[in-house]
């Protein structure tokens, strides 16, 4: 094994054990490991202490020229993990993670864009009609559109994560946080239909490829492709230029708000760790905002 491959394996162990990152995040971190080192050293592994801040900023600038703005923040984040590892493991004398420029993320203004319930149903229906992947793709979209899962959480589900007796599913969320969620009959039936009639192979991941060797997905990009094809098939125009499956989470939250759900209830479904993350769905709903606000302390209470 080459020195570069050995370092990559050590880095992967660090990401999984020390940082506790999800498999999806590890996959992307390793991709940027290869991309940056190739840009700096070619196919080999040079002197890591010769990496300069200018090499990092130049690499980021080239990324920004080649990518769409919505994904602009991922490159710097993955590079920061790499340089933290190199310093932590003693491979570099300086911690170059501080030299990675931070991606400027504009604060969201207004209510997030969303699809109407009828549009969401049409997208799911057209996906279900595909002969080879219809059952799998239908179940995957259902988990986002009905339960509010994040794309990486969908692809991370294992067969053993489903408790059929209790009607619950284990969700492997951000930062290794796990939650158990009730599974609706509609979602459960879609998963059963997929397992019985379409899923193949010994992999313990719930969702696998339709071609041998029927392996789990390396990342969650498959969901974006599924949604993109569904837009094309139905003729529905995406609410925003960047086609991302988070639009289904936003649509679920917006529909819940319209039906009278509180912000706390919406936050529970979306598994927001902070109540403030849910306020973007109620910027024009004063009563909803008031439901999570804290009373202003009086002078006596402060004392």
C-alpha atoms as a PDB file:
ATOM      1  CA  UNK A   1       0.000   0.000   0.000  1.00  0.00           C
ATOM      2  CA  UNK A   2       1.343   3.424  -0.966  1.00  0.00           C
ATOM      3  CA  UNK A   3       2.077   6.095   1.693  1.00  0.00           C
ATOM      4  CA  UNK A   4      -0.850   8.118   0.385  1.00  0.00           C
ATOM      5  CA  UNK A   5      -3.231   5.163   0.682  1.00  0.00           C
ATOM      6  CA  UNK A   6      -1.974   4.423   4.222  1.00  0.00           C
ATOM      7  CA  UNK A   7      -2.548   8.032   5.232  1.00  0.00           C
ATOM      8  CA  UNK A   8      -6.024   7.915   3.738  1.00  0.00           C
ATOM      9  CA  UNK A   9      -6.896   4.829   5.776  1.00  0.00           C
ATOM     10  CA  UNK A  10      -5.591   6.504   8.935  1.00  0.00           C
ATOM     11  CA  UNK A  11      -7.653   9.593   8.117  1.00  0.00           C
ATOM     12  CA  UNK A  12     -10.771   7.477   7.605  1.00  0.00           C
ATOM     13  CA  UNK A  13     -10.305   5.874  11.030  1.00  0.00           C
ATOM     14  CA  UNK A  14      -9.895   9.318  12.598  1.00  0.00           C
ATOM     15  CA  UNK A  15     -13.109  10.572  11.003  1.00  0.00           C
ATOM     16  CA  UNK A  16     -15.064   7.543  12.141  1.00  0.00           C
ATOM     17  CA  UNK A  17     -13.641   7.006  15.635  1.00  0.00           C
ATOM     18  CA  UNK A  18     -12.368  10.384  16.823  1.00  0.00           C
ATOM     19  CA  UNK A  19     -14.881  12.628  15.081  1.00  0.00           C
ATOM     20  CA  UNK A  20     -17.846  10.247  14.980  1.00  0.00           C
ATOM     21  CA  UNK A  21     -18.929  11.405  11.520  1.00  0.00           C
ATOM     22  CA  UNK A  22     -21.605   9.682   9.470  1.00  0.00           C
ATOM     23  CA  UNK A  23     -20.624   7.423   6.575  1.00  0.00           C
ATOM     24  CA  UNK A  24     -21.932  10.035   4.147  1.00  0.00           C
ATOM     25  CA  UNK A  25     -19.715  12.747   5.659  1.00  0.00           C
ATOM     26  CA  UNK A  26     -16.709  10.411   5.723  1.00  0.00           C
ATOM     27  CA  UNK A  27     -17.193   9.642   2.043  1.00  0.00           C
ATOM     28  CA  UNK A  28     -17.115  13.329   1.101  1.00  0.00           C
ATOM     29  CA  UNK A  29     -14.157  14.067   3.390  1.00  0.00           C
ATOM     30  CA  UNK A  30     -12.160  11.332   1.667  1.00  0.00           C
ATOM     31  CA  UNK A  31     -13.132  12.691  -1.745  1.00  0.00           C
ATOM     32  CA  UNK A  32     -11.697  16.078  -0.811  1.00  0.00           C
ATOM     33  CA  UNK A  33      -8.615  14.390   0.639  1.00  0.00           C
ATOM     34  CA  UNK A  34      -7.923  12.969  -2.813  1.00  0.00           C
ATOM     35  CA  UNK A  35      -8.852  16.137  -4.670  1.00  0.00           C
ATOM     36  CA  UNK A  36      -6.664  18.442  -2.613  1.00  0.00           C
ATOM     37  CA  UNK A  37      -3.612  16.172  -2.490  1.00  0.00           C
ATOM     38  CA  UNK A  38      -3.867  15.559  -6.234  1.00  0.00           C
ATOM     39  CA  UNK A  39      -4.026  19.297  -6.858  1.00  0.00           C
ATOM     40  CA  UNK A  40      -0.951  19.852  -4.662  1.00  0.00           C
ATOM     41  CA  UNK A  41       1.216  16.783  -5.253  1.00  0.00           C
ATOM     42  CA  UNK A  42      -0.188  14.926  -8.249  1.00  0.00           C
ATOM     43  CA  UNK A  43      -0.593  11.173  -7.818  1.00  0.00           C
ATOM     44  CA  UNK A  44       1.898  10.789  -4.969  1.00  0.00           C
ATOM     45  CA  UNK A  45       2.317  12.193  -1.478  1.00  0.00           C
ATOM     46  CA  UNK A  46       4.751  15.059  -1.040  1.00  0.00           C
ATOM     47  CA  UNK A  47       6.004  16.893   2.031  1.00  0.00           C
ATOM     48  CA  UNK A  48       2.840  17.860   3.900  1.00  0.00           C
ATOM     49  CA  UNK A  49       4.695  20.627   5.722  1.00  0.00           C
ATOM     50  CA  UNK A  50       5.160  22.383   2.392  1.00  0.00           C
ATOM     51  CA  UNK A  51       1.428  23.034   2.102  1.00  0.00           C
ATOM     52  CA  UNK A  52       0.931  26.799   2.273  1.00  0.00           C
ATOM     53  CA  UNK A  53      -2.192  28.852   3.066  1.00  0.00           C
ATOM     54  CA  UNK A  54      -2.058  30.048  -0.538  1.00  0.00           C
ATOM     55  CA  UNK A  55      -2.441  26.459  -1.760  1.00  0.00           C
ATOM     56  CA  UNK A  56      -5.620  26.167   0.277  1.00  0.00           C
ATOM     57  CA  UNK A  57      -7.210  29.447  -0.793  1.00  0.00           C
ATOM     58  CA  UNK A  58      -6.313  28.767  -4.424  1.00  0.00           C
ATOM     59  CA  UNK A  59      -7.966  25.358  -4.240  1.00  0.00           C
ATOM     60  CA  UNK A  60     -11.111  26.848  -2.670  1.00  0.00           C
ATOM     61  CA  UNK A  61     -11.305  29.540  -5.358  1.00  0.00           C
ATOM     62  CA  UNK A  62     -11.163  26.900  -8.082  1.00  0.00           C
ATOM     63  CA  UNK A  63     -13.927  24.984  -6.310  1.00  0.00           C
ATOM     64  CA  UNK A  64     -16.146  28.042  -6.200  1.00  0.00           C
ATOM     65  CA  UNK A  65     -15.651  28.654  -9.901  1.00  0.00           C
ATOM     66  CA  UNK A  66     -16.760  25.099 -10.672  1.00  0.00           C
ATOM     67  CA  UNK A  67     -19.635  24.683  -8.195  1.00  0.00           C
ATOM     68  CA  UNK A  68     -23.042  26.125  -7.547  1.00  0.00           C
ATOM     69  CA  UNK A  69     -23.328  28.430  -4.546  1.00  0.00           C
ATOM     70  CA  UNK A  70     -25.683  26.184  -2.484  1.00  0.00           C
ATOM     71  CA  UNK A  71     -22.926  23.554  -2.139  1.00  0.00           C
ATOM     72  CA  UNK A  72     -20.165  26.111  -1.608  1.00  0.00           C
ATOM     73  CA  UNK A  73     -19.819  25.441   2.110  1.00  0.00           C
ATOM     74  CA  UNK A  74     -18.988  21.720   1.835  1.00  0.00           C
ATOM     75  CA  UNK A  75     -15.470  22.024   0.418  1.00  0.00           C
ATOM     76  CA  UNK A  76     -14.085  24.283   3.157  1.00  0.00           C
ATOM     77  CA  UNK A  77     -15.673  22.129   5.845  1.00  0.00           C
ATOM     78  CA  UNK A  78     -14.112  18.917   4.513  1.00  0.00           C
ATOM     79  CA  UNK A  79     -10.714  20.567   4.083  1.00  0.00           C
ATOM     80  CA  UNK A  80     -10.860  21.855   7.644  1.00  0.00           C
ATOM     81  CA  UNK A  81     -11.342  18.276   8.848  1.00  0.00           C
ATOM     82  CA  UNK A  82      -8.318  17.183   6.809  1.00  0.00           C
ATOM     83  CA  UNK A  83      -5.937  19.781   8.219  1.00  0.00           C
ATOM     84  CA  UNK A  84      -7.167  19.215  11.765  1.00  0.00           C
ATOM     85  CA  UNK A  85      -6.326  15.535  11.316  1.00  0.00           C
ATOM     86  CA  UNK A  86      -2.880  16.230   9.851  1.00  0.00           C
ATOM     87  CA  UNK A  87      -1.994  18.453  12.821  1.00  0.00           C
ATOM     88  CA  UNK A  88      -3.623  16.144  15.402  1.00  0.00           C
ATOM     89  CA  UNK A  89      -1.673  13.146  14.074  1.00  0.00           C
ATOM     90  CA  UNK A  90       1.633  15.042  13.936  1.00  0.00           C
ATOM     91  CA  UNK A  91       1.866  14.976  10.143  1.00  0.00           C
ATOM     92  CA  UNK A  92       2.122  18.771   9.960  1.00  0.00           C
ATOM     93  CA  UNK A  93       3.831  21.224  12.279  1.00  0.00           C
ATOM     94  CA  UNK A  94       1.057  23.814  11.933  1.00  0.00           C
ATOM     95  CA  UNK A  95      -2.701  23.542  12.179  1.00  0.00           C
ATOM     96  CA  UNK A  96      -3.662  24.761   8.720  1.00  0.00           C
ATOM     97  CA  UNK A  97      -7.383  24.400   9.370  1.00  0.00           C
ATOM     98  CA  UNK A  98      -7.412  28.065  10.369  1.00  0.00           C
ATOM     99  CA  UNK A  99      -6.157  28.956   6.884  1.00  0.00           C
ATOM    100  CA  UNK A 100      -9.269  27.496   5.250  1.00  0.00           C
ATOM    101  CA  UNK A 101     -11.542  30.424   4.332  1.00  0.00           C
ATOM    102  CA  UNK A 102     -15.012  30.220   5.755  1.00  0.00           C
ATOM    103  CA  UNK A 103     -17.834  30.069   3.239  1.00  0.00           C
ATOM    104  CA  UNK A 104     -20.121  33.033   3.620  1.00  0.00           C
ATOM    105  CA  UNK A 105     -23.636  31.741   4.156  1.00  0.00           C
ATOM    106  CA  UNK A 106     -26.350  34.364   3.748  1.00  0.00           C
ATOM    107  CA  UNK A 107     -29.075  34.136   6.356  1.00  0.00           C
ATOM    108  CA  UNK A 108     -32.370  32.910   4.919  1.00  0.00           C
ATOM    109  CA  UNK A 109     -34.937  35.588   4.256  1.00  0.00           C
ATOM    110  CA  UNK A 110     -38.609  34.763   4.097  1.00  0.00           C
ATOM    111  CA  UNK A 111     -40.302  31.394   4.368  1.00  0.00           C
ATOM    112  CA  UNK A 112     -38.390  28.535   2.694  1.00  0.00           C
ATOM    113  CA  UNK A 113     -39.646  27.586  -0.734  1.00  0.00           C
ATOM    114  CA  UNK A 114     -41.895  24.572  -0.853  1.00  0.00           C
ATOM    115  CA  UNK A 115     -44.132  22.391  -2.998  1.00  0.00           C
ATOM    116  CA  UNK A 116     -47.879  22.068  -2.613  1.00  0.00           C
ATOM    117  CA  UNK A 117     -49.084  18.703  -1.206  1.00  0.00           C
ATOM    118  CA  UNK A 118     -50.604  17.829  -4.593  1.00  0.00           C
ATOM    119  CA  UNK A 119     -47.230  18.393  -6.266  1.00  0.00           C
ATOM    120  CA  UNK A 120     -45.426  16.227  -3.730  1.00  0.00           C
ATOM    121  CA  UNK A 121     -47.948  13.437  -4.324  1.00  0.00           C
ATOM    122  CA  UNK A 122     -47.483  13.684  -8.098  1.00  0.00           C
ATOM    123  CA  UNK A 123     -43.708  13.393  -7.743  1.00  0.00           C
ATOM    124  CA  UNK A 124     -44.055  10.312  -5.549  1.00  0.00           C
ATOM    125  CA  UNK A 125     -46.587   8.719  -7.902  1.00  0.00           C
ATOM    126  CA  UNK A 126     -44.409   9.152 -10.984  1.00  0.00           C
ATOM    127  CA  UNK A 127     -41.423   7.685  -9.136  1.00  0.00           C
ATOM    128  CA  UNK A 128     -43.483   4.660  -8.095  1.00  0.00           C
ATOM    129  CA  UNK A 129     -44.224   3.872 -11.745  1.00  0.00           C
ATOM    130  CA  UNK A 130     -40.625   3.051 -12.681  1.00  0.00           C
ATOM    131  CA  UNK A 131     -40.293  -0.676 -13.435  1.00  0.00           C
ATOM    132  CA  UNK A 132     -36.860  -1.423 -11.980  1.00  0.00           C
ATOM    133  CA  UNK A 133     -36.485   1.108  -9.163  1.00  0.00           C
ATOM    134  CA  UNK A 134     -40.033   2.300  -8.500  1.00  0.00           C
ATOM    135  CA  UNK A 135     -40.579   0.589  -5.155  1.00  0.00           C
ATOM    136  CA  UNK A 136     -37.170   1.559  -3.772  1.00  0.00           C
ATOM    137  CA  UNK A 137     -37.326   5.176  -4.917  1.00  0.00           C
ATOM    138  CA  UNK A 138     -40.915   5.502  -3.723  1.00  0.00           C
ATOM    139  CA  UNK A 139     -39.974   4.339  -0.215  1.00  0.00           C
ATOM    140  CA  UNK A 140     -36.948   6.648  -0.124  1.00  0.00           C
ATOM    141  CA  UNK A 141     -38.936   9.734  -1.080  1.00  0.00           C
ATOM    142  CA  UNK A 142     -41.716   8.747   1.329  1.00  0.00           C
ATOM    143  CA  UNK A 143     -39.283   8.829   4.235  1.00  0.00           C
ATOM    144  CA  UNK A 144     -38.400  12.439   3.430  1.00  0.00           C
ATOM    145  CA  UNK A 145     -41.825  13.697   2.362  1.00  0.00           C
ATOM    146  CA  UNK A 146     -43.862  11.990   5.116  1.00  0.00           C
ATOM    147  CA  UNK A 147     -41.430  11.622   8.028  1.00  0.00           C
ATOM    148  CA  UNK A 148     -39.111  14.554   7.331  1.00  0.00           C
ATOM    149  CA  UNK A 149     -35.860  12.586   7.225  1.00  0.00           C
ATOM    150  CA  UNK A 150     -32.692  14.155   5.841  1.00  0.00           C
ATOM    151  CA  UNK A 151     -31.242  12.486   2.715  1.00  0.00           C
ATOM    152  CA  UNK A 152     -28.171  10.991   4.483  1.00  0.00           C
ATOM    153  CA  UNK A 153     -30.486   9.594   7.161  1.00  0.00           C
ATOM    154  CA  UNK A 154     -32.454   7.740   4.491  1.00  0.00           C
ATOM    155  CA  UNK A 155     -29.432   6.059   2.926  1.00  0.00           C
ATOM    156  CA  UNK A 156     -28.028   5.199   6.385  1.00  0.00           C
ATOM    157  CA  UNK A 157     -31.017   3.060   7.431  1.00  0.00           C
ATOM    158  CA  UNK A 158     -30.188  -0.579   8.121  1.00  0.00           C
ATOM    159  CA  UNK A 159     -32.655  -3.454   7.913  1.00  0.00           C
ATOM    160  CA  UNK A 160     -32.236  -4.007  11.652  1.00  0.00           C
ATOM    161  CA  UNK A 161     -33.152  -0.376  12.369  1.00  0.00           C
ATOM    162  CA  UNK A 162     -36.837  -1.087  11.775  1.00  0.00           C
ATOM    163  CA  UNK A 163     -38.873  -2.343  14.731  1.00  0.00           C
ATOM    164  CA  UNK A 164     -41.926  -3.792  13.004  1.00  0.00           C
ATOM    165  CA  UNK A 165     -43.701  -4.705  16.244  1.00  0.00           C
ATOM    166  CA  UNK A 166     -43.442  -1.195  17.666  1.00  0.00           C
ATOM    167  CA  UNK A 167     -43.889   0.481  14.295  1.00  0.00           C
ATOM    168  CA  UNK A 168     -40.705   2.503  14.812  1.00  0.00           C
ATOM    169  CA  UNK A 169     -37.588   3.248  12.831  1.00  0.00           C
ATOM    170  CA  UNK A 170     -34.139   4.176  14.145  1.00  0.00           C
ATOM    171  CA  UNK A 171     -32.818   7.377  12.575  1.00  0.00           C
ATOM    172  CA  UNK A 172     -29.056   7.894  12.493  1.00  0.00           C
ATOM    173  CA  UNK A 173     -28.915  11.668  12.546  1.00  0.00           C
ATOM    174  CA  UNK A 174     -26.268  14.354  12.598  1.00  0.00           C
ATOM    175  CA  UNK A 175     -23.259  14.054  14.935  1.00  0.00           C
ATOM    176  CA  UNK A 176     -24.030  10.408  15.695  1.00  0.00           C
ATOM    177  CA  UNK A 177     -27.322  11.352  17.368  1.00  0.00           C
ATOM    178  CA  UNK A 178     -29.918   8.601  17.108  1.00  0.00           C
ATOM    179  CA  UNK A 179     -33.683   8.985  17.353  1.00  0.00           C
ATOM    180  CA  UNK A 180     -36.592   6.564  17.185  1.00  0.00           C
ATOM    181  CA  UNK A 181     -39.517   7.743  15.114  1.00  0.00           C
ATOM    182  CA  UNK A 182     -42.984   6.268  14.695  1.00  0.00           C
ATOM    183  CA  UNK A 183     -43.470   4.901  11.203  1.00  0.00           C
ATOM    184  CA  UNK A 184     -46.784   5.639   9.509  1.00  0.00           C
ATOM    185  CA  UNK A 185     -48.701   2.813   7.844  1.00  0.00           C
ATOM    186  CA  UNK A 186     -48.172   4.437   4.436  1.00  0.00           C
ATOM    187  CA  UNK A 187     -44.400   4.525   4.847  1.00  0.00           C
ATOM    188  CA  UNK A 188     -44.273   1.044   6.373  1.00  0.00           C
ATOM    189  CA  UNK A 189     -46.261  -0.446   3.494  1.00  0.00           C
ATOM    190  CA  UNK A 190     -43.951   1.221   0.961  1.00  0.00           C
ATOM    191  CA  UNK A 191     -40.880  -0.258   2.672  1.00  0.00           C
ATOM    192  CA  UNK A 192     -42.439  -3.734   2.905  1.00  0.00           C
ATOM    193  CA  UNK A 193     -43.391  -3.609  -0.771  1.00  0.00           C
ATOM    194  CA  UNK A 194     -39.801  -2.741  -1.660  1.00  0.00           C
ATOM    195  CA  UNK A 195     -38.236  -5.431   0.541  1.00  0.00           C
ATOM    196  CA  UNK A 196     -40.563  -8.185  -0.690  1.00  0.00           C
ATOM    197  CA  UNK A 197     -40.697  -7.390  -4.383  1.00  0.00           C
ATOM    198  CA  UNK A 198     -37.603  -5.465  -5.442  1.00  0.00           C
ATOM    199  CA  UNK A 199     -34.721  -5.489  -2.974  1.00  0.00           C
ATOM    200  CA  UNK A 200     -31.898  -7.973  -3.567  1.00  0.00           C
ATOM    201  CA  UNK A 201     -28.509  -8.866  -2.118  1.00  0.00           C
ATOM    202  CA  UNK A 202     -26.993  -9.599   1.327  1.00  0.00           C
ATOM    203  CA  UNK A 203     -26.067  -6.011   2.271  1.00  0.00           C
ATOM    204  CA  UNK A 204     -27.701  -5.012   5.575  1.00  0.00           C
ATOM    205  CA  UNK A 205     -28.461  -1.500   4.332  1.00  0.00           C
ATOM    206  CA  UNK A 206     -32.167  -1.062   3.638  1.00  0.00           C
ATOM    207  CA  UNK A 207     -31.668   0.697   0.320  1.00  0.00           C
ATOM    208  CA  UNK A 208     -29.233  -0.817  -2.163  1.00  0.00           C
ATOM    209  CA  UNK A 209     -28.427  -0.520  -5.848  1.00  0.00           C
ATOM    210  CA  UNK A 210     -30.474  -2.446  -8.404  1.00  0.00           C
ATOM    211  CA  UNK A 211     -27.371  -3.792 -10.139  1.00  0.00           C
ATOM    212  CA  UNK A 212     -25.032  -6.485  -8.776  1.00  0.00           C
ATOM    213  CA  UNK A 213     -23.474  -6.647  -6.270  1.00  0.00           C
ATOM    214  CA  UNK A 214     -26.494  -4.773  -4.774  1.00  0.00           C
ATOM    215  CA  UNK A 215     -24.463  -2.548  -2.460  1.00  0.00           C
ATOM    216  CA  UNK A 216     -25.471   0.358  -0.232  1.00  0.00           C
ATOM    217  CA  UNK A 217     -25.054   3.889  -1.569  1.00  0.00           C
ATOM    218  CA  UNK A 218     -21.830   5.747  -0.802  1.00  0.00           C
ATOM    219  CA  UNK A 219     -23.682   9.023  -0.357  1.00  0.00           C
ATOM    220  CA  UNK A 220     -27.157  10.531  -0.612  1.00  0.00           C
ATOM    221  CA  UNK A 221     -26.821  12.007  -4.116  1.00  0.00           C
ATOM    222  CA  UNK A 222     -29.085   9.233  -5.424  1.00  0.00           C
ATOM    223  CA  UNK A 223     -32.054  11.044  -3.858  1.00  0.00           C
ATOM    224  CA  UNK A 224     -31.293  14.249  -5.706  1.00  0.00           C
ATOM    225  CA  UNK A 225     -31.176  12.333  -8.994  1.00  0.00           C
ATOM    226  CA  UNK A 226     -34.480  10.628  -8.215  1.00  0.00           C
ATOM    227  CA  UNK A 227     -36.158  13.965  -7.537  1.00  0.00           C
ATOM    228  CA  UNK A 228     -34.636  15.562 -10.632  1.00  0.00           C
ATOM    229  CA  UNK A 229     -36.026  12.774 -12.832  1.00  0.00           C
ATOM    230  CA  UNK A 230     -39.418  13.105 -11.127  1.00  0.00           C
ATOM    231  CA  UNK A 231     -39.528  16.828 -11.933  1.00  0.00           C
ATOM    232  CA  UNK A 232     -38.761  16.047 -15.570  1.00  0.00           C
ATOM    233  CA  UNK A 233     -41.399  13.310 -15.762  1.00  0.00           C
ATOM    234  CA  UNK A 234     -44.195  15.391 -14.212  1.00  0.00           C
ATOM    235  CA  UNK A 235     -43.332  18.733 -15.756  1.00  0.00           C
ATOM    236  CA  UNK A 236     -43.378  20.358 -12.316  1.00  0.00           C
ATOM    237  CA  UNK A 237     -41.004  23.314 -12.118  1.00  0.00           C
ATOM    238  CA  UNK A 238     -38.605  23.168  -9.148  1.00  0.00           C
ATOM    239  CA  UNK A 239     -39.207  26.075  -6.731  1.00  0.00           C
ATOM    240  CA  UNK A 240     -35.501  26.910  -6.849  1.00  0.00           C
ATOM    241  CA  UNK A 241     -32.646  26.501  -9.315  1.00  0.00           C
ATOM    242  CA  UNK A 242     -30.747  24.029  -7.150  1.00  0.00           C
ATOM    243  CA  UNK A 243     -32.622  20.734  -7.068  1.00  0.00           C
ATOM    244  CA  UNK A 244     -32.290  19.442  -3.524  1.00  0.00           C
ATOM    245  CA  UNK A 245     -34.458  16.989  -1.634  1.00  0.00           C
ATOM    246  CA  UNK A 246     -34.668  19.297   1.401  1.00  0.00           C
ATOM    247  CA  UNK A 247     -37.549  20.914  -0.489  1.00  0.00           C
ATOM    248  CA  UNK A 248     -39.620  17.902   0.624  1.00  0.00           C
ATOM    249  CA  UNK A 249     -38.811  18.595   4.293  1.00  0.00           C
ATOM    250  CA  UNK A 250     -39.726  22.241   3.813  1.00  0.00           C
ATOM    251  CA  UNK A 251     -42.966  21.220   2.117  1.00  0.00           C
ATOM    252  CA  UNK A 252     -43.871  18.879   4.979  1.00  0.00           C
ATOM    253  CA  UNK A 253     -43.215  21.590   7.571  1.00  0.00           C
ATOM    254  CA  UNK A 254     -45.194  24.191   5.627  1.00  0.00           C
ATOM    255  CA  UNK A 255     -48.149  21.829   5.239  1.00  0.00           C
ATOM    256  CA  UNK A 256     -48.086  21.036   8.964  1.00  0.00           C
ATOM    257  CA  UNK A 257     -48.067  24.753   9.796  1.00  0.00           C
ATOM    258  CA  UNK A 258     -51.043  25.355   7.517  1.00  0.00           C
ATOM    259  CA  UNK A 259     -52.952  22.579   9.251  1.00  0.00           C
ATOM    260  CA  UNK A 260     -52.429  24.161  12.650  1.00  0.00           C
ATOM    261  CA  UNK A 261     -49.365  22.363  13.993  1.00  0.00           C
ATOM    262  CA  UNK A 262     -47.289  24.300  16.507  1.00  0.00           C
ATOM    263  CA  UNK A 263     -43.650  25.150  15.898  1.00  0.00           C
ATOM    264  CA  UNK A 264     -42.719  22.743  18.676  1.00  0.00           C
ATOM    265  CA  UNK A 265     -44.540  19.912  16.887  1.00  0.00           C
ATOM    266  CA  UNK A 266     -42.866  20.764  13.582  1.00  0.00           C
ATOM    267  CA  UNK A 267     -39.474  20.897  15.302  1.00  0.00           C
ATOM    268  CA  UNK A 268     -40.082  17.445  16.803  1.00  0.00           C
ATOM    269  CA  UNK A 269     -40.876  15.946  13.401  1.00  0.00           C
ATOM    270  CA  UNK A 270     -37.865  17.565  11.722  1.00  0.00           C
ATOM    271  CA  UNK A 271     -35.742  16.763  14.818  1.00  0.00           C
ATOM    272  CA  UNK A 272     -34.378  20.269  15.179  1.00  0.00           C
ATOM    273  CA  UNK A 273     -32.062  20.458  18.187  1.00  0.00           C
ATOM    274  CA  UNK A 274     -32.859  24.135  18.652  1.00  0.00           C
ATOM    275  CA  UNK A 275     -36.352  25.635  18.582  1.00  0.00           C
ATOM    276  CA  UNK A 276     -34.941  28.651  16.759  1.00  0.00           C
ATOM    277  CA  UNK A 277     -34.237  26.493  13.693  1.00  0.00           C
ATOM    278  CA  UNK A 278     -37.978  26.095  13.231  1.00  0.00           C
ATOM    279  CA  UNK A 279     -38.847  29.793  13.307  1.00  0.00           C
ATOM    280  CA  UNK A 280     -38.060  30.178   9.586  1.00  0.00           C
ATOM    281  CA  UNK A 281     -41.414  28.501   8.923  1.00  0.00           C
ATOM    282  CA  UNK A 282     -43.333  31.107  10.876  1.00  0.00           C
ATOM    283  CA  UNK A 283     -41.731  34.450  10.096  1.00  0.00           C
ATOM    284  CA  UNK A 284     -45.145  35.826   9.214  1.00  0.00           C
ATOM    285  CA  UNK A 285     -47.043  33.972  11.936  1.00  0.00           C
ATOM    286  CA  UNK A 286     -46.821  36.055  15.103  1.00  0.00           C
ATOM    287  CA  UNK A 287     -48.870  33.604  17.179  1.00  0.00           C
ATOM    288  CA  UNK A 288     -46.553  30.747  16.214  1.00  0.00           C
ATOM    289  CA  UNK A 289     -43.476  32.753  17.136  1.00  0.00           C
ATOM    290  CA  UNK A 290     -45.060  33.726  20.426  1.00  0.00           C
ATOM    291  CA  UNK A 291     -45.583  30.046  21.261  1.00  0.00           C
ATOM    292  CA  UNK A 292     -41.831  29.459  21.598  1.00  0.00           C
ATOM    293  CA  UNK A 293     -40.774  32.846  22.947  1.00  0.00           C
ATOM    294  CA  UNK A 294     -39.742  33.255  26.561  1.00  0.00           C
ATOM    295  CA  UNK A 295     -41.274  35.954  28.761  1.00  0.00           C
ATOM    296  CA  UNK A 296     -39.067  38.982  29.357  1.00  0.00           C
ATOM    297  CA  UNK A 297     -37.646  38.721  32.899  1.00  0.00           C
ATOM    298  CA  UNK A 298     -38.711  41.305  35.455  1.00  0.00           C
ATOM    299  CA  UNK A 299     -36.241  43.177  37.651  1.00  0.00           C
ATOM    300  CA  UNK A 300     -37.202  41.006  40.615  1.00  0.00           C
ATOM    301  CA  UNK A 301     -36.491  37.815  38.645  1.00  0.00           C
ATOM    302  CA  UNK A 302     -33.081  39.059  37.524  1.00  0.00           C
ATOM    303  CA  UNK A 303     -32.144  39.830  41.101  1.00  0.00           C
END
